[in-house]
Protein backbone atom coordinates (compact mmCIF):
# COMPACT_ATOMS: atom_id res chain seq x y z
CA MET A 1 -38.84 91.74 71.93
CA SER A 2 -39.75 88.85 69.66
CA ARG A 3 -43.31 87.86 68.88
CA GLU A 4 -44.86 84.43 68.78
CA LYS A 5 -45.19 82.89 65.36
CA ALA A 6 -48.64 82.37 63.90
CA GLY A 7 -50.14 79.12 65.12
CA TYR A 8 -47.74 78.68 68.04
CA ARG A 9 -50.44 78.72 70.75
CA GLY A 10 -52.66 76.35 68.78
CA VAL A 11 -49.87 73.80 68.32
CA LEU A 12 -48.87 74.10 71.97
CA ASP A 13 -52.49 73.56 73.05
CA GLN A 14 -52.70 70.44 70.85
CA LEU A 15 -49.45 69.12 72.35
CA ASN A 16 -50.74 69.73 75.88
CA GLU A 17 -54.01 67.97 75.02
CA MET A 18 -52.26 64.93 73.52
CA PHE A 19 -49.50 64.71 76.17
CA PRO A 20 -50.88 66.39 79.32
CA ASP A 21 -48.47 64.76 81.77
CA LYS A 22 -45.21 65.31 79.86
CA GLY A 23 -42.93 68.31 79.52
CA MET A 24 -40.42 66.70 77.18
CA LEU A 25 -41.21 64.41 74.26
CA ASN A 26 -39.15 61.65 72.68
CA LYS A 27 -38.95 60.92 68.95
CA ASN A 28 -41.75 58.33 69.01
CA GLU A 29 -44.14 60.82 70.64
CA VAL A 30 -43.19 63.57 68.18
CA ALA A 31 -43.77 61.17 65.27
CA LYS A 32 -47.18 60.27 66.69
CA PHE A 33 -48.11 63.95 67.01
CA ILE A 34 -46.98 64.86 63.49
CA GLY A 35 -48.45 61.69 62.03
CA VAL A 36 -45.33 60.31 60.39
CA ASN A 37 -42.99 57.40 60.88
CA ARG A 38 -40.23 57.87 63.45
CA THR A 39 -37.56 57.60 60.75
CA THR A 40 -38.91 60.57 58.78
CA ILE A 41 -38.75 63.09 61.63
CA HIS A 42 -35.31 64.31 60.51
CA ASN A 43 -36.92 65.55 57.26
CA TYR A 44 -38.80 68.13 59.33
CA GLY A 45 -35.55 69.56 60.72
CA ILE A 46 -36.60 69.18 64.34
CA ALA A 47 -33.67 69.71 66.71
CA PHE A 48 -33.72 67.30 69.65
CA ASN A 49 -31.45 67.57 72.67
CA GLU A 50 -28.35 65.56 71.78
CA THR A 51 -27.86 64.23 75.30
CA THR A 52 -31.39 63.17 76.19
CA GLY A 53 -32.89 62.70 72.72
CA ARG A 54 -35.96 64.68 73.81
CA ILE A 55 -37.51 68.05 73.02
CA ALA A 56 -39.62 70.40 75.12
CA LYS A 57 -43.19 70.88 73.94
CA ALA A 58 -42.70 74.65 73.66
CA ASP A 59 -39.58 74.17 71.51
CA LEU A 60 -41.39 71.67 69.27
CA ALA A 61 -44.32 74.08 68.82
CA ARG A 62 -41.87 76.87 67.93
CA GLN A 63 -40.06 74.71 65.38
CA LEU A 64 -43.26 73.46 63.75
CA CYS A 65 -44.56 77.00 63.24
CA THR A 66 -41.67 78.28 61.10
């Protein structure tokens, strides 16, 4: 069984505080959370859903804590 990465819960709590009514985030919202321009998100290696262009908050927290 895999374990949560260090900081996962903290990042997820921050995401829930900033976007309490959303389960999936678009690129503009992710850029706002990280504090970068929308065009630089790809430098972070964040994998968005190819069909919807969105990412679940739990997946984003997991990817940011690597």
